[in-house]
Protein backbone atom coordinates (compact mmCIF):
# COMPACT_ATOMS: atom_id res chain seq x y z
CA MET A 1 -1.65 19.33 -44.51
CA PHE A 2 0.38 20.95 -41.72
CA LYS A 3 -2.83 22.27 -40.15
CA ALA A 4 -4.41 18.79 -40.18
CA PHE A 5 -1.29 17.30 -38.60
CA LYS A 6 -1.27 20.02 -35.92
CA GLU A 7 -4.93 19.30 -35.09
CA PHE A 8 -4.16 15.58 -34.87
CA ALA A 9 -1.09 16.08 -32.68
CA MET A 10 -2.84 18.47 -30.32
CA ARG A 11 -5.85 16.29 -29.67
CA GLY A 12 -6.05 15.14 -26.06
CA ASN A 13 -5.64 11.44 -26.81
CA VAL A 14 -2.34 11.89 -28.66
CA ILE A 15 -0.85 14.05 -25.92
CA ASP A 16 -2.06 11.61 -23.24
CA LEU A 17 -0.48 8.74 -25.18
CA ALA A 18 2.82 10.59 -25.48
CA VAL A 19 2.89 11.33 -21.76
CA GLY A 20 2.05 7.69 -21.06
CA VAL A 21 4.90 6.43 -23.24
CA ILE A 22 7.41 8.77 -21.57
CA ILE A 23 6.26 7.85 -18.06
CA GLY A 24 6.22 4.16 -19.07
CA ALA A 25 9.81 4.29 -20.30
CA ALA A 26 10.96 5.94 -17.07
CA PHE A 27 8.95 3.43 -15.04
CA GLY A 28 10.56 0.59 -17.00
CA LYS A 29 14.01 1.84 -16.00
CA ILE A 30 12.95 1.99 -12.35
CA VAL A 31 11.60 -1.56 -12.49
CA SER A 32 14.76 -2.80 -14.22
CA SER A 33 16.84 -1.27 -11.45
CA LEU A 34 14.53 -2.76 -8.83
CA VAL A 35 14.92 -6.24 -10.31
CA ASP A 36 18.65 -6.04 -11.08
CA ASP A 37 19.78 -4.16 -7.96
CA VAL A 38 17.27 -5.04 -5.23
CA ILE A 39 15.38 -8.28 -5.95
CA MET A 40 17.90 -10.50 -7.74
CA PRO A 41 20.92 -10.05 -5.39
CA PRO A 42 19.11 -11.49 -2.32
CA ILE A 43 17.71 -14.31 -4.44
CA GLY A 44 21.22 -15.01 -5.74
CA LEU A 45 22.52 -14.94 -2.16
CA LEU A 46 19.88 -17.45 -1.08
CA LEU A 47 21.01 -19.66 -3.96
CA HIS A 48 24.65 -19.51 -2.79
CA GLY A 49 25.87 -16.49 -4.74
CA VAL A 50 24.28 -17.13 -8.11
CA ASN A 51 24.31 -14.05 -10.36
CA PHE A 52 21.42 -14.56 -12.75
CA SER A 53 22.67 -12.05 -15.31
CA SER A 54 25.82 -14.14 -15.84
CA LEU A 55 24.06 -17.47 -16.40
CA PHE A 56 24.55 -18.65 -19.99
CA ILE A 57 25.22 -21.69 -22.12
CA PRO A 58 27.84 -21.37 -24.89
CA LEU A 59 26.44 -22.92 -28.07
CA ASN A 60 29.81 -23.62 -29.71
CA GLY A 61 30.78 -26.23 -27.10
CA LYS A 62 33.71 -24.26 -25.64
CA HIS A 63 33.98 -23.12 -22.03
CA TYR A 64 34.02 -19.44 -21.07
CA ASP A 65 34.39 -18.12 -17.54
CA THR A 66 31.99 -15.20 -18.00
CA LEU A 67 29.37 -14.03 -20.43
CA ASP A 68 31.52 -11.01 -21.25
CA ALA A 69 34.42 -13.29 -22.21
CA ALA A 70 32.15 -15.22 -24.56
CA LYS A 71 30.85 -12.00 -26.11
CA VAL A 72 34.39 -10.67 -26.67
CA VAL A 73 35.27 -13.64 -28.88
CA GLY A 74 31.85 -13.56 -30.55
CA ALA A 75 30.71 -16.95 -29.29
CA PRO A 76 27.01 -17.70 -29.68
CA THR A 77 25.41 -18.01 -26.24
CA LEU A 78 22.03 -18.87 -24.77
CA ASN A 79 21.58 -16.19 -22.08
CA TYR A 80 18.92 -17.75 -19.86
CA GLY A 81 19.93 -15.67 -16.82
CA LEU A 82 19.21 -12.41 -18.64
CA PHE A 83 15.95 -13.95 -19.83
CA LEU A 84 14.96 -14.72 -16.21
CA ASN A 85 15.68 -11.09 -15.25
CA THR A 86 13.53 -9.89 -18.16
CA VAL A 87 10.65 -12.19 -17.18
CA ILE A 88 10.76 -10.88 -13.61
CA ASN A 89 10.85 -7.30 -14.97
CA PHE A 90 7.77 -8.03 -17.07
CA LEU A 91 5.86 -9.60 -14.18
CA ILE A 92 6.53 -6.62 -11.93
CA VAL A 93 5.54 -4.11 -14.63
CA ALA A 94 2.41 -6.09 -15.50
CA PHE A 95 1.40 -6.28 -11.82
CA CYS A 96 1.95 -2.53 -11.34
CA VAL A 97 -0.07 -1.73 -14.47
CA PHE A 98 -2.82 -4.06 -13.22
CA LEU A 99 -2.93 -2.23 -9.88
CA LEU A 100 -2.91 1.17 -11.61
CA VAL A 101 -5.72 0.30 -14.04
CA ARG A 102 -7.76 -1.28 -11.27
CA SER A 103 -7.44 1.79 -9.05
CA VAL A 104 -8.23 4.19 -11.91
CA GLN A 105 -11.31 2.17 -12.81
CA HIS A 106 -12.37 2.24 -9.17
CA TRP A 107 -12.02 6.03 -9.03
CA PHE A 108 -13.54 7.03 -12.36
CA VAL A 109 -15.87 4.30 -13.57
CA LYS A 110 -19.25 4.61 -11.92
CA PRO A 111 -21.21 1.40 -11.45
CA ALA A 112 -24.22 1.06 -13.72
CA PRO A 113 -27.52 1.85 -12.01
CA PRO A 114 -29.55 -1.21 -11.18
CA ALA A 115 -32.01 -2.23 -13.89
CA ALA A 116 -35.65 -1.40 -13.32
CA PRO A 117 -37.60 -4.40 -12.06
CA THR A 118 -39.63 -6.24 -14.68
CA THR A 119 -41.61 -8.41 -12.26
CA ARG A 120 -43.47 -8.10 -8.98
CA ASP A 121 -44.90 -10.56 -6.50
CA CYS A 122 -48.56 -11.44 -6.48
CA PRO A 123 -50.09 -10.20 -3.19
CA GLN A 124 -52.20 -13.39 -2.94
CA CYS A 125 -49.86 -16.27 -3.84
CA ALA A 126 -46.45 -14.48 -3.74
CA MET A 127 -45.47 -15.81 -7.18
CA SER A 128 -43.45 -13.63 -9.54
CA ILE A 129 -45.55 -11.98 -12.26
CA PRO A 130 -44.88 -9.26 -14.90
CA ILE A 131 -45.33 -5.70 -13.62
CA GLN A 132 -48.02 -4.88 -16.23
CA ALA A 133 -50.12 -7.99 -15.48
CA LYS A 134 -53.80 -7.37 -14.62
CA ARG A 135 -54.37 -10.90 -13.35
CA CYS A 136 -52.00 -13.40 -11.69
CA GLY A 137 -51.25 -16.29 -14.02
CA HIS A 138 -50.77 -18.64 -11.07
CA CYS A 139 -53.74 -18.02 -8.81
CA THR A 140 -55.90 -15.85 -11.17
CA THR A 141 -56.23 -13.06 -8.59
CA GLN A 142 -57.41 -9.77 -10.11
CA LEU A 143 -54.61 -7.19 -9.69
CA ALA A 144 -55.00 -3.44 -9.45
């Protein structure tokens, strides 16, 4: 059983998947930092100092100055600002993955060769006829 597991774990696909997951997790942290530290502050500044990560609605009807204050007392909150950050994270990651897959496909996937023609033009009437035809079905010209 150990030998079978070792063969499974050492196959190329499993190792490639493991490397992909590790790189993906690191890339996710980079994108989160990009959104939280680079993209959202200028957007918040344009919207007169709005900090999206602190936007929330307390569901118990009480007022709290910050999200942290609501969490300290255990108040249920609807954290739509954090949700907006997560959506922007997802869109950036999805766009980067799209660009990566598209470029890899461009590099490694060869276009299929064009299909062999199945018809030719009649030399007399220029109509399309099957390649193996001995006589044109349109003008009845004998073909070689």
